[in-house]
Amino acid sequence: MIINAATKTTETIMLGTLTSPFELKVTTTKDLINLIFDTLFYIGAPLFILMLIIGGLFYIFSFSSSNLAEKANKILKYGVIGISIVLLSKLIQLLVEILF
């Protein structure tokens, strides 16, 4: 809204419509479940890549320390367990979607 000082009137200028990026288009339970599993997948996959990189770097720099090698082993093990859970949940979601 713009106030014109000379004529003491207000003018409304429309620049277009803005849509909220946070607007959820969830109308059914199926949409909600899809949203939850997709969000889990899109967050879990990059975290797995990050854990692979960090675990690999720990292995590279653990040539003199067995403590770092154990830490790298745990990071990689939990990364694989995490991505397995994410992929299995996505698989279960797709199976339920096909069956029902």
N, C-alpha and C. Protein backbone atom coordinates (compact mmCIF):
# COMPACT_ATOMS: atom_id res chain seq x y z
N MET A 1 0.86 -1.15 0.00
CA MET A 1 0.00 0.00 0.00
C MET A 1 0.91 1.23 0.00
N ILE A 2 0.60 2.17 -0.86
CA ILE A 2 1.36 3.41 -0.96
C ILE A 2 0.44 4.57 -0.62
N ILE A 3 0.91 5.48 0.21
CA ILE A 3 0.12 6.67 0.56
C ILE A 3 0.63 7.83 -0.28
N ASN A 4 -0.27 8.42 -1.04
CA ASN A 4 0.07 9.57 -1.87
C ASN A 4 -0.11 10.83 -1.02
N ALA A 5 1.00 11.55 -0.73
CA ALA A 5 0.95 12.71 0.16
C ALA A 5 0.23 13.89 -0.49
N ALA A 6 0.31 14.02 -1.81
CA ALA A 6 -0.29 15.17 -2.48
C ALA A 6 -1.81 15.08 -2.46
N THR A 7 -2.35 13.93 -2.74
CA THR A 7 -3.80 13.80 -2.82
C THR A 7 -4.38 13.17 -1.56
N LYS A 8 -3.55 12.73 -0.64
CA LYS A 8 -3.96 12.09 0.61
C LYS A 8 -4.86 10.89 0.37
N THR A 9 -4.48 10.09 -0.63
CA THR A 9 -5.21 8.85 -0.92
C THR A 9 -4.21 7.69 -0.84
N THR A 10 -4.76 6.54 -0.75
CA THR A 10 -3.91 5.35 -0.74
C THR A 10 -4.11 4.56 -2.02
N GLU A 11 -3.04 4.00 -2.49
CA GLU A 11 -3.08 3.19 -3.69
C GLU A 11 -2.51 1.81 -3.36
N THR A 12 -3.09 0.83 -3.92
CA THR A 12 -2.58 -0.53 -3.73
C THR A 12 -1.97 -0.99 -5.03
N ILE A 13 -0.73 -1.41 -4.94
CA ILE A 13 -0.02 -1.89 -6.12
C ILE A 13 0.14 -3.40 -5.99
N MET A 14 -0.34 -4.15 -6.96
CA MET A 14 -0.21 -5.59 -6.96
C MET A 14 1.02 -5.98 -7.76
N LEU A 15 1.93 -6.65 -7.11
CA LEU A 15 3.16 -7.07 -7.78
C LEU A 15 3.12 -8.53 -8.20
N GLY A 16 2.10 -9.21 -7.85
CA GLY A 16 2.01 -10.64 -8.15
C GLY A 16 1.65 -11.39 -6.88
N THR A 17 1.48 -12.66 -7.03
CA THR A 17 1.13 -13.45 -5.85
C THR A 17 2.36 -14.18 -5.35
N LEU A 18 2.49 -14.22 -4.07
CA LEU A 18 3.57 -14.97 -3.44
C LEU A 18 2.97 -16.20 -2.78
N THR A 19 3.64 -17.32 -2.96
CA THR A 19 3.19 -18.54 -2.31
C THR A 19 4.19 -18.92 -1.24
N SER A 20 3.70 -19.44 -0.19
CA SER A 20 4.55 -19.83 0.92
C SER A 20 5.27 -21.13 0.59
N PRO A 21 6.58 -21.19 0.80
CA PRO A 21 7.28 -22.46 0.57
C PRO A 21 6.96 -23.49 1.64
N PHE A 22 6.35 -23.05 2.74
CA PHE A 22 6.02 -23.95 3.84
C PHE A 22 4.59 -24.45 3.78
N GLU A 23 3.90 -24.16 2.69
CA GLU A 23 2.52 -24.60 2.55
C GLU A 23 2.51 -26.10 2.29
N LEU A 24 1.89 -26.86 3.18
CA LEU A 24 1.83 -28.30 3.03
C LEU A 24 0.56 -28.67 2.29
N LYS A 25 0.73 -29.48 1.28
CA LYS A 25 -0.42 -29.92 0.51
C LYS A 25 -0.80 -31.32 0.96
N VAL A 26 -1.16 -31.42 2.22
CA VAL A 26 -1.54 -32.71 2.82
C VAL A 26 -3.03 -32.69 3.04
N THR A 27 -3.71 -33.55 2.30
CA THR A 27 -5.16 -33.63 2.44
C THR A 27 -5.61 -34.99 2.95
N THR A 28 -4.77 -36.00 2.75
CA THR A 28 -5.13 -37.34 3.20
C THR A 28 -4.00 -37.91 4.06
N THR A 29 -4.30 -39.01 4.71
CA THR A 29 -3.29 -39.69 5.51
C THR A 29 -2.17 -40.21 4.62
N LYS A 30 -2.51 -40.65 3.44
CA LYS A 30 -1.51 -41.13 2.48
C LYS A 30 -0.53 -40.02 2.13
N ASP A 31 -1.03 -38.81 1.92
CA ASP A 31 -0.15 -37.68 1.63
C ASP A 31 0.77 -37.38 2.80
N LEU A 32 0.25 -37.48 4.02
CA LEU A 32 1.06 -37.23 5.21
C LEU A 32 2.18 -38.27 5.35
N ILE A 33 1.84 -39.53 5.12
CA ILE A 33 2.84 -40.59 5.21
C ILE A 33 3.91 -40.41 4.13
N ASN A 34 3.48 -40.07 2.91
CA ASN A 34 4.44 -39.81 1.83
C ASN A 34 5.36 -38.65 2.19
N LEU A 35 4.81 -37.60 2.77
CA LEU A 35 5.61 -36.44 3.16
C LEU A 35 6.64 -36.82 4.22
N ILE A 36 6.23 -37.61 5.20
CA ILE A 36 7.15 -38.00 6.28
C ILE A 36 8.29 -38.86 5.73
N PHE A 37 7.96 -39.87 4.93
CA PHE A 37 9.00 -40.75 4.41
C PHE A 37 9.90 -40.05 3.40
N ASP A 38 9.34 -39.17 2.59
CA ASP A 38 10.18 -38.42 1.65
C ASP A 38 11.13 -37.49 2.38
N THR A 39 10.65 -36.84 3.44
CA THR A 39 11.51 -35.97 4.23
C THR A 39 12.61 -36.78 4.90
N LEU A 40 12.26 -37.94 5.44
CA LEU A 40 13.26 -38.82 6.05
C LEU A 40 14.31 -39.22 5.03
N PHE A 41 13.89 -39.54 3.82
CA PHE A 41 14.82 -39.94 2.77
C PHE A 41 15.72 -38.79 2.34
N TYR A 42 15.14 -37.60 2.16
CA TYR A 42 15.94 -36.46 1.68
C TYR A 42 16.88 -35.91 2.75
N ILE A 43 16.63 -36.22 4.00
CA ILE A 43 17.56 -35.82 5.06
C ILE A 43 18.58 -36.93 5.30
N GLY A 44 18.15 -38.18 5.26
CA GLY A 44 19.01 -39.31 5.58
C GLY A 44 20.09 -39.58 4.54
N ALA A 45 19.77 -39.43 3.28
CA ALA A 45 20.75 -39.73 2.23
C ALA A 45 21.97 -38.79 2.28
N PRO A 46 21.80 -37.48 2.38
CA PRO A 46 22.99 -36.62 2.50
C PRO A 46 23.76 -36.85 3.79
N LEU A 47 23.06 -37.20 4.87
CA LEU A 47 23.76 -37.50 6.12
C LEU A 47 24.63 -38.74 5.96
N PHE A 48 24.15 -39.72 5.21
CA PHE A 48 24.93 -40.92 4.96
C PHE A 48 26.20 -40.58 4.18
N ILE A 49 26.08 -39.76 3.17
CA ILE A 49 27.25 -39.35 2.39
C ILE A 49 28.25 -38.62 3.28
N LEU A 50 27.75 -37.75 4.13
CA LEU A 50 28.62 -37.01 5.05
C LEU A 50 29.32 -37.97 6.01
N MET A 51 28.60 -38.96 6.52
CA MET A 51 29.21 -39.93 7.43
C MET A 51 30.26 -40.78 6.71
N LEU A 52 30.03 -41.11 5.43
CA LEU A 52 31.03 -41.83 4.67
C LEU A 52 32.31 -41.01 4.51
N ILE A 53 32.15 -39.74 4.21
CA ILE A 53 33.32 -38.87 4.04
C ILE A 53 34.09 -38.73 5.35
N ILE A 54 33.37 -38.46 6.43
CA ILE A 54 34.03 -38.27 7.73
C ILE A 54 34.69 -39.58 8.18
N GLY A 55 33.99 -40.69 8.05
CA GLY A 55 34.57 -41.98 8.42
C GLY A 55 35.79 -42.32 7.59
N GLY A 56 35.72 -42.03 6.30
CA GLY A 56 36.88 -42.26 5.43
C GLY A 56 38.08 -41.41 5.81
N LEU A 57 37.82 -40.15 6.15
CA LEU A 57 38.92 -39.28 6.58
C LEU A 57 39.52 -39.77 7.89
N PHE A 58 38.68 -40.26 8.79
CA PHE A 58 39.20 -40.81 10.05
C PHE A 58 40.09 -42.01 9.77
N TYR A 59 39.68 -42.87 8.80
CA TYR A 59 40.51 -44.01 8.45
C TYR A 59 41.84 -43.57 7.85
N ILE A 60 41.80 -42.57 7.00
CA ILE A 60 43.02 -42.09 6.35
C ILE A 60 44.02 -41.57 7.39
N PHE A 61 43.51 -40.84 8.37
CA PHE A 61 44.40 -40.22 9.35
C PHE A 61 44.63 -41.09 10.59
N SER A 62 44.19 -42.34 10.57
CA SER A 62 44.35 -43.19 11.75
C SER A 62 45.54 -44.14 11.61
N PHE A 63 46.52 -43.80 10.80
CA PHE A 63 47.64 -44.70 10.56
C PHE A 63 48.46 -44.99 11.81
N SER A 64 48.46 -44.10 12.79
CA SER A 64 49.24 -44.35 14.00
C SER A 64 48.37 -44.53 15.24
N SER A 65 47.08 -44.34 15.11
CA SER A 65 46.21 -44.40 16.27
C SER A 65 45.09 -45.42 16.05
N SER A 66 45.07 -46.43 16.90
CA SER A 66 44.00 -47.42 16.77
C SER A 66 42.68 -46.85 17.27
N ASN A 67 42.77 -45.83 18.13
CA ASN A 67 41.55 -45.17 18.64
C ASN A 67 40.77 -44.51 17.50
N LEU A 68 41.49 -43.83 16.60
CA LEU A 68 40.83 -43.20 15.45
C LEU A 68 40.26 -44.24 14.50
N ALA A 69 40.94 -45.36 14.35
CA ALA A 69 40.44 -46.43 13.47
C ALA A 69 39.14 -47.01 14.04
N GLU A 70 39.07 -47.18 15.35
CA GLU A 70 37.84 -47.68 15.95
C GLU A 70 36.70 -46.67 15.79
N LYS A 71 37.04 -45.39 15.94
CA LYS A 71 36.01 -44.34 15.77
C LYS A 71 35.51 -44.31 14.32
N ALA A 72 36.44 -44.46 13.37
CA ALA A 72 36.06 -44.48 11.95
C ALA A 72 35.17 -45.68 11.66
N ASN A 73 35.52 -46.82 12.27
CA ASN A 73 34.71 -48.02 12.07
C ASN A 73 33.30 -47.83 12.60
N LYS A 74 33.15 -47.20 13.76
CA LYS A 74 31.83 -46.95 14.33
C LYS A 74 31.03 -45.98 13.46
N ILE A 75 31.69 -44.93 12.97
CA ILE A 75 31.00 -43.95 12.12
C ILE A 75 30.46 -44.63 10.87
N LEU A 76 31.30 -45.43 10.22
CA LEU A 76 30.86 -46.11 8.99
C LEU A 76 29.78 -47.14 9.28
N LYS A 77 29.91 -47.87 10.39
CA LYS A 77 28.93 -48.89 10.74
C LYS A 77 27.56 -48.25 10.99
N TYR A 78 27.54 -47.16 11.78
CA TYR A 78 26.26 -46.52 12.07
C TYR A 78 25.70 -45.79 10.85
N GLY A 79 26.57 -45.34 9.97
CA GLY A 79 26.10 -44.74 8.72
C GLY A 79 25.39 -45.76 7.85
N VAL A 80 25.97 -46.95 7.74
CA VAL A 80 25.36 -48.02 6.94
C VAL A 80 24.05 -48.48 7.58
N ILE A 81 24.02 -48.60 8.91
CA ILE A 81 22.79 -48.98 9.60
C ILE A 81 21.71 -47.92 9.36
N GLY A 82 22.08 -46.65 9.45
CA GLY A 82 21.12 -45.57 9.25
C GLY A 82 20.54 -45.55 7.85
N ILE A 83 21.40 -45.66 6.84
CA ILE A 83 20.89 -45.62 5.46
C ILE A 83 20.07 -46.88 5.17
N SER A 84 20.40 -48.00 5.82
CA SER A 84 19.60 -49.21 5.65
C SER A 84 18.19 -49.01 6.20
N ILE A 85 18.10 -48.37 7.35
CA ILE A 85 16.78 -48.09 7.94
C ILE A 85 15.98 -47.16 7.04
N VAL A 86 16.64 -46.14 6.50
CA VAL A 86 15.95 -45.19 5.63
C VAL A 86 15.46 -45.88 4.36
N LEU A 87 16.32 -46.70 3.75
CA LEU A 87 15.92 -47.38 2.52
C LEU A 87 14.83 -48.42 2.76
N LEU A 88 14.92 -49.14 3.88
CA LEU A 88 13.87 -50.11 4.20
C LEU A 88 12.54 -49.42 4.48
N SER A 89 12.58 -48.26 5.13
CA SER A 89 11.33 -47.54 5.37
C SER A 89 10.72 -47.04 4.06
N LYS A 90 11.57 -46.62 3.13
CA LYS A 90 11.07 -46.21 1.82
C LYS A 90 10.48 -47.41 1.06
N LEU A 91 11.12 -48.56 1.20
CA LEU A 91 10.61 -49.76 0.56
C LEU A 91 9.26 -50.17 1.15
N ILE A 92 9.15 -50.12 2.46
CA ILE A 92 7.89 -50.45 3.11
C ILE A 92 6.79 -49.48 2.69
N GLN A 93 7.14 -48.20 2.58
CA GLN A 93 6.17 -47.21 2.13
C GLN A 93 5.67 -47.54 0.73
N LEU A 94 6.58 -47.89 -0.17
CA LEU A 94 6.18 -48.20 -1.54
C LEU A 94 5.34 -49.48 -1.60
N LEU A 95 5.70 -50.48 -0.79
CA LEU A 95 4.91 -51.71 -0.77
C LEU A 95 3.50 -51.48 -0.25
N VAL A 96 3.38 -50.70 0.81
CA VAL A 96 2.05 -50.39 1.35
C VAL A 96 1.24 -49.60 0.34
N GLU A 97 1.93 -48.69 -0.36
CA GLU A 97 1.22 -47.88 -1.36
C GLU A 97 0.70 -48.75 -2.51
N ILE A 98 1.50 -49.75 -2.90
CA ILE A 98 1.08 -50.65 -3.99
C ILE A 98 -0.05 -51.56 -3.53
N LEU A 99 0.08 -52.11 -2.32
CA LEU A 99 -0.90 -53.08 -1.85
C LEU A 99 -2.24 -52.44 -1.46
N PHE A 100 -2.22 -51.23 -0.96
CA PHE A 100 -3.45 -50.61 -0.48
C PHE A 100 -3.73 -49.45 -1.36
